[in-house]
N, C-alpha and C. Protein backbone atom coordinates (compact mmCIF):
# COMPACT_ATOMS: atom_id res chain seq x y z
N UNK A 1 94.74 79.55 82.93
CA UNK A 1 94.95 79.87 83.50
C UNK A 1 94.88 79.74 85.73
N UNK A 2 95.68 79.30 86.91
CA UNK A 2 95.14 79.32 88.10
C UNK A 2 94.29 79.73 88.43
N UNK A 3 94.27 81.48 88.03
CA UNK A 3 93.58 82.84 87.87
C UNK A 3 91.50 82.70 87.72
N UNK A 4 92.21 81.66 86.16
CA UNK A 4 90.57 81.63 85.31
C UNK A 4 90.07 80.37 86.42
N UNK A 5 90.10 79.31 86.60
CA UNK A 5 90.10 78.79 87.12
C UNK A 5 89.52 78.84 89.27
N UNK A 6 90.35 79.48 89.32
CA UNK A 6 89.68 80.23 90.79
C UNK A 6 88.70 81.25 91.27
N UNK A 7 88.42 82.00 89.90
CA UNK A 7 87.46 83.29 89.72
C UNK A 7 86.49 83.05 88.68
N UNK A 8 85.93 81.36 88.63
CA UNK A 8 84.30 81.24 87.69
C UNK A 8 83.12 81.39 87.67
N UNK A 9 82.36 80.34 88.08
CA UNK A 9 81.59 80.45 88.25
C UNK A 9 80.60 80.00 90.14
N UNK A 10 82.09 80.33 90.39
CA UNK A 10 82.15 79.80 92.20
C UNK A 10 81.78 81.51 92.88
N UNK A 11 81.02 80.89 94.48
CA UNK A 11 81.67 82.33 94.81
C UNK A 11 82.59 81.46 96.42
N UNK A 12 83.30 81.01 96.46
CA UNK A 12 83.75 80.39 97.39
C UNK A 12 84.85 81.17 98.15
N UNK A 13 84.63 82.02 99.05
CA UNK A 13 84.79 82.63 100.06
C UNK A 13 86.83 81.34 100.13
N UNK A 14 88.11 82.94 100.37
CA UNK A 14 89.64 82.48 100.30
C UNK A 14 89.53 83.12 101.33
N UNK A 15 90.35 82.99 102.36
CA UNK A 15 91.63 83.49 103.36
C UNK A 15 93.07 83.01 103.16
N UNK A 16 94.26 83.66 102.98
CA UNK A 16 94.99 83.37 102.48
C UNK A 16 96.36 84.21 104.07
N UNK A 17 96.76 82.89 104.37
CA UNK A 17 97.52 83.26 106.02
C UNK A 17 99.25 82.85 104.61
N UNK A 18 100.31 84.46 104.68
CA UNK A 18 101.86 83.91 104.30
C UNK A 18 102.32 84.99 105.24
N UNK A 19 103.29 84.34 105.71
CA UNK A 19 104.86 85.03 105.70
C UNK A 19 104.84 86.42 104.84
N UNK A 20 105.37 87.22 105.19
CA UNK A 20 106.06 87.88 104.03
C UNK A 20 107.87 87.01 104.13
N UNK A 21 107.91 87.70 105.52
CA UNK A 21 109.78 87.03 105.25
C UNK A 21 109.94 85.23 104.96
N UNK A 22 108.61 85.07 104.50
CA UNK A 22 109.12 82.73 104.07
C UNK A 22 109.97 82.99 103.38
N UNK A 23 110.85 82.08 103.34
CA UNK A 23 112.49 81.71 103.22
C UNK A 23 112.22 80.81 101.89
N UNK A 24 111.16 79.73 101.67
CA UNK A 24 110.29 78.99 101.11
C UNK A 24 109.42 79.48 100.11
N UNK A 25 108.03 80.12 100.92
CA UNK A 25 107.65 80.12 98.99
C UNK A 25 107.75 81.85 99.05
N UNK A 26 107.87 82.19 98.17
CA UNK A 26 108.53 84.47 97.97
C UNK A 26 106.28 84.81 98.32
N UNK A 27 106.98 85.55 99.19
CA UNK A 27 105.67 86.32 99.82
C UNK A 27 104.49 86.88 98.83
N UNK A 28 105.77 87.48 97.63
CA UNK A 28 105.66 88.66 96.13
C UNK A 28 104.31 87.77 95.85
N UNK A 29 104.62 86.97 94.72
CA UNK A 29 103.09 85.78 93.86
C UNK A 29 102.29 85.79 94.32
N UNK A 30 102.33 85.39 95.68
CA UNK A 30 101.00 84.89 96.51
C UNK A 30 100.23 86.50 97.41
N UNK A 31 100.97 87.35 97.30
CA UNK A 31 100.89 88.40 98.11
C UNK A 31 99.71 89.04 95.80
N UNK A 32 100.22 88.70 94.99
CA UNK A 32 99.90 89.75 93.71
C UNK A 32 98.45 88.41 93.29
N UNK A 33 98.90 86.53 93.51
CA UNK A 33 97.98 86.03 93.18
C UNK A 33 96.54 86.79 93.59
N UNK A 34 96.47 86.47 95.47
CA UNK A 34 94.94 87.50 96.36
C UNK A 34 94.32 88.88 95.91
N UNK A 35 95.77 89.94 95.53
CA UNK A 35 95.09 90.88 94.94
C UNK A 35 94.54 90.60 93.23
N UNK A 36 94.49 90.14 92.95
CA UNK A 36 93.90 89.99 92.09
C UNK A 36 92.73 88.53 91.68
N UNK A 37 92.34 88.11 92.95
CA UNK A 37 91.21 87.32 93.46
C UNK A 37 90.98 88.70 93.50
N UNK A 38 90.78 88.97 94.08
CA UNK A 38 90.35 90.04 94.31
C UNK A 38 89.20 91.15 93.76
N UNK A 39 90.10 91.50 93.06
CA UNK A 39 89.74 92.20 91.40
C UNK A 39 88.80 91.15 90.90
N UNK A 40 89.07 90.23 90.54
CA UNK A 40 88.32 89.38 90.06
C UNK A 40 86.81 88.03 90.12
N UNK A 41 87.38 88.08 91.65
CA UNK A 41 86.32 87.32 92.30
C UNK A 41 84.99 87.62 92.43
N UNK A 42 83.89 86.94 92.81
CA UNK A 42 82.55 87.22 93.10
C UNK A 42 82.54 87.11 94.82
N UNK A 43 83.96 86.37 95.20
CA UNK A 43 84.05 85.89 97.02
C UNK A 43 84.72 86.87 97.30
N UNK A 44 84.28 86.44 98.11
CA UNK A 44 85.40 87.32 99.37
C UNK A 44 87.12 87.04 99.61
N UNK A 45 88.22 87.48 99.29
CA UNK A 45 89.54 87.33 99.10
C UNK A 45 89.63 88.38 100.80
N UNK A 46 90.72 87.48 101.21
CA UNK A 46 91.39 87.79 102.55
C UNK A 46 92.67 87.23 103.19
N UNK A 47 93.72 88.60 102.80
CA UNK A 47 94.86 88.18 103.16
C UNK A 47 94.71 88.68 103.77
N UNK A 48 96.26 87.97 105.57
CA UNK A 48 96.80 88.29 106.05
C UNK A 48 98.07 87.81 106.30
N UNK A 49 99.05 89.18 106.54
CA UNK A 49 100.01 88.53 106.42
C UNK A 49 100.85 89.47 107.33
N UNK A 50 102.02 88.52 107.70
CA UNK A 50 102.70 88.49 109.26
C UNK A 50 103.99 88.65 109.00
N UNK A 51 105.27 88.55 109.97
CA UNK A 51 106.40 88.11 110.14
C UNK A 51 107.08 86.94 110.65
N UNK A 52 107.25 86.06 110.51
CA UNK A 52 106.58 85.30 111.51
C UNK A 52 108.75 85.01 112.35
N UNK A 53 108.55 85.18 113.22
CA UNK A 53 109.79 85.67 113.43
C UNK A 53 110.13 84.13 114.59
N UNK A 54 109.50 83.18 114.86
CA UNK A 54 109.33 81.71 115.49
C UNK A 54 110.32 80.82 114.95
N UNK A 55 109.30 80.86 113.39
CA UNK A 55 110.92 79.24 112.84
C UNK A 55 111.95 79.89 112.17
N UNK A 56 112.69 79.12 111.37
CA UNK A 56 114.60 79.54 110.14
C UNK A 56 113.77 80.69 109.15
N UNK A 57 112.73 79.67 107.79
CA UNK A 57 112.76 80.06 106.78
C UNK A 57 111.71 80.94 107.09
N UNK A 58 110.62 81.30 108.45
CA UNK A 58 110.06 81.57 108.14
C UNK A 58 108.34 81.65 106.93
N UNK A 59 108.39 80.74 107.13
CA UNK A 59 107.67 79.25 106.44
C UNK A 59 106.67 78.42 107.57
N UNK A 60 106.14 79.39 108.72
CA UNK A 60 105.41 78.27 109.46
C UNK A 60 104.78 79.48 109.79
N UNK A 61 103.80 78.15 108.84
CA UNK A 61 102.41 79.46 109.13
C UNK A 61 100.99 79.08 109.78
N UNK A 62 100.95 77.82 110.31
CA UNK A 62 99.95 77.63 111.26
C UNK A 62 99.50 78.29 112.52
N UNK A 63 100.43 78.62 112.55
CA UNK A 63 100.47 79.40 114.39
C UNK A 63 99.23 79.96 113.86
N UNK A 64 99.33 80.61 113.05
CA UNK A 64 98.91 82.08 112.93
C UNK A 64 97.05 81.91 112.89
N UNK A 65 97.06 80.59 111.70
CA UNK A 65 95.32 81.05 111.85
C UNK A 65 95.06 80.13 112.20
N UNK A 66 95.31 79.11 113.27
CA UNK A 66 94.86 78.38 113.88
C UNK A 66 94.79 77.29 115.05
N UNK A 67 95.80 78.88 115.75
CA UNK A 67 95.68 78.75 117.19
C UNK A 67 94.98 79.80 117.52
N UNK A 68 94.66 79.58 118.93
CA UNK A 68 94.36 81.47 119.09
C UNK A 68 95.13 82.04 120.87
N UNK A 69 96.23 81.81 121.09
CA UNK A 69 97.01 81.91 121.67
C UNK A 69 98.06 81.96 121.49
N UNK A 70 98.97 83.18 120.84
CA UNK A 70 100.13 83.50 121.19
C UNK A 70 100.93 82.65 121.80
N UNK A 71 102.17 82.04 119.91
CA UNK A 71 102.60 81.35 121.45
C UNK A 71 104.48 81.91 121.53
N UNK A 72 104.94 82.94 120.38
CA UNK A 72 106.25 83.56 120.65
C UNK A 72 105.80 84.52 120.45
N UNK A 73 106.62 85.48 120.96
CA UNK A 73 106.53 87.29 120.56
C UNK A 73 106.64 87.98 119.33
N UNK A 74 105.42 88.51 118.84
CA UNK A 74 104.71 89.10 118.16
C UNK A 74 103.99 88.10 116.95
N UNK A 75 103.25 87.45 117.95
CA UNK A 75 102.96 85.96 116.91
C UNK A 75 101.99 86.31 117.38
N UNK A 76 100.98 86.44 115.63
CA UNK A 76 99.21 86.72 116.07
C UNK A 76 98.76 85.80 116.15
N UNK A 77 97.53 85.42 116.42
CA UNK A 77 96.86 84.27 117.14
C UNK A 77 95.64 84.05 117.14
N UNK A 78 94.99 84.00 115.03
CA UNK A 78 93.52 84.63 114.94
C UNK A 78 92.66 83.08 114.46
N UNK A 79 93.08 81.93 115.53
CA UNK A 79 92.45 81.28 115.43
C UNK A 79 90.49 81.16 115.73
N UNK A 80 90.52 82.14 116.49
CA UNK A 80 89.06 82.28 116.94
C UNK A 80 87.93 83.45 115.76
N UNK A 81 89.31 84.21 115.00
CA UNK A 81 88.14 84.72 114.45
C UNK A 81 87.65 83.42 113.09
N UNK A 82 89.01 82.85 112.68
CA UNK A 82 89.35 82.24 111.25
C UNK A 82 88.03 81.11 112.12
N UNK A 83 88.11 80.78 113.36
CA UNK A 83 86.34 79.76 112.66
C UNK A 83 85.66 79.82 112.70
N UNK A 84 85.41 81.48 113.82
CA UNK A 84 83.89 81.86 113.49
C UNK A 84 83.63 82.60 112.20
N UNK A 85 84.64 82.99 111.42
CA UNK A 85 84.29 83.16 110.05
C UNK A 85 83.72 82.60 109.20
N UNK A 86 85.07 81.31 108.74
CA UNK A 86 84.70 79.51 108.36
C UNK A 86 83.28 79.47 108.35
N UNK A 87 82.71 79.19 109.86
CA UNK A 87 81.59 79.31 110.16
C UNK A 87 80.56 79.78 109.39
N UNK A 88 80.79 80.97 109.66
CA UNK A 88 79.36 82.57 108.80
C UNK A 88 79.47 81.88 107.64
N UNK A 89 80.55 81.04 106.81
CA UNK A 89 80.47 80.59 105.26
C UNK A 89 79.24 80.56 105.16
């Protein structure tokens, strides 16, 4: 299973970004995956959730992790935090 391959002997940290209102890739299975990884992995697992108010299908996640300034009302912009976190790994 996917979980078994992701939590094997590796210690690769993971950070998921997912919109609660994603109309293309449902939120529930990704949330369940992140929770299971947290339970079973030896690595850090983060999950950032948000409501996508700037696209038609709720599937435009790139603004949240990669941009350093919000481009739309209510949009989180965690680019600086993400890249600082990546550099520390």
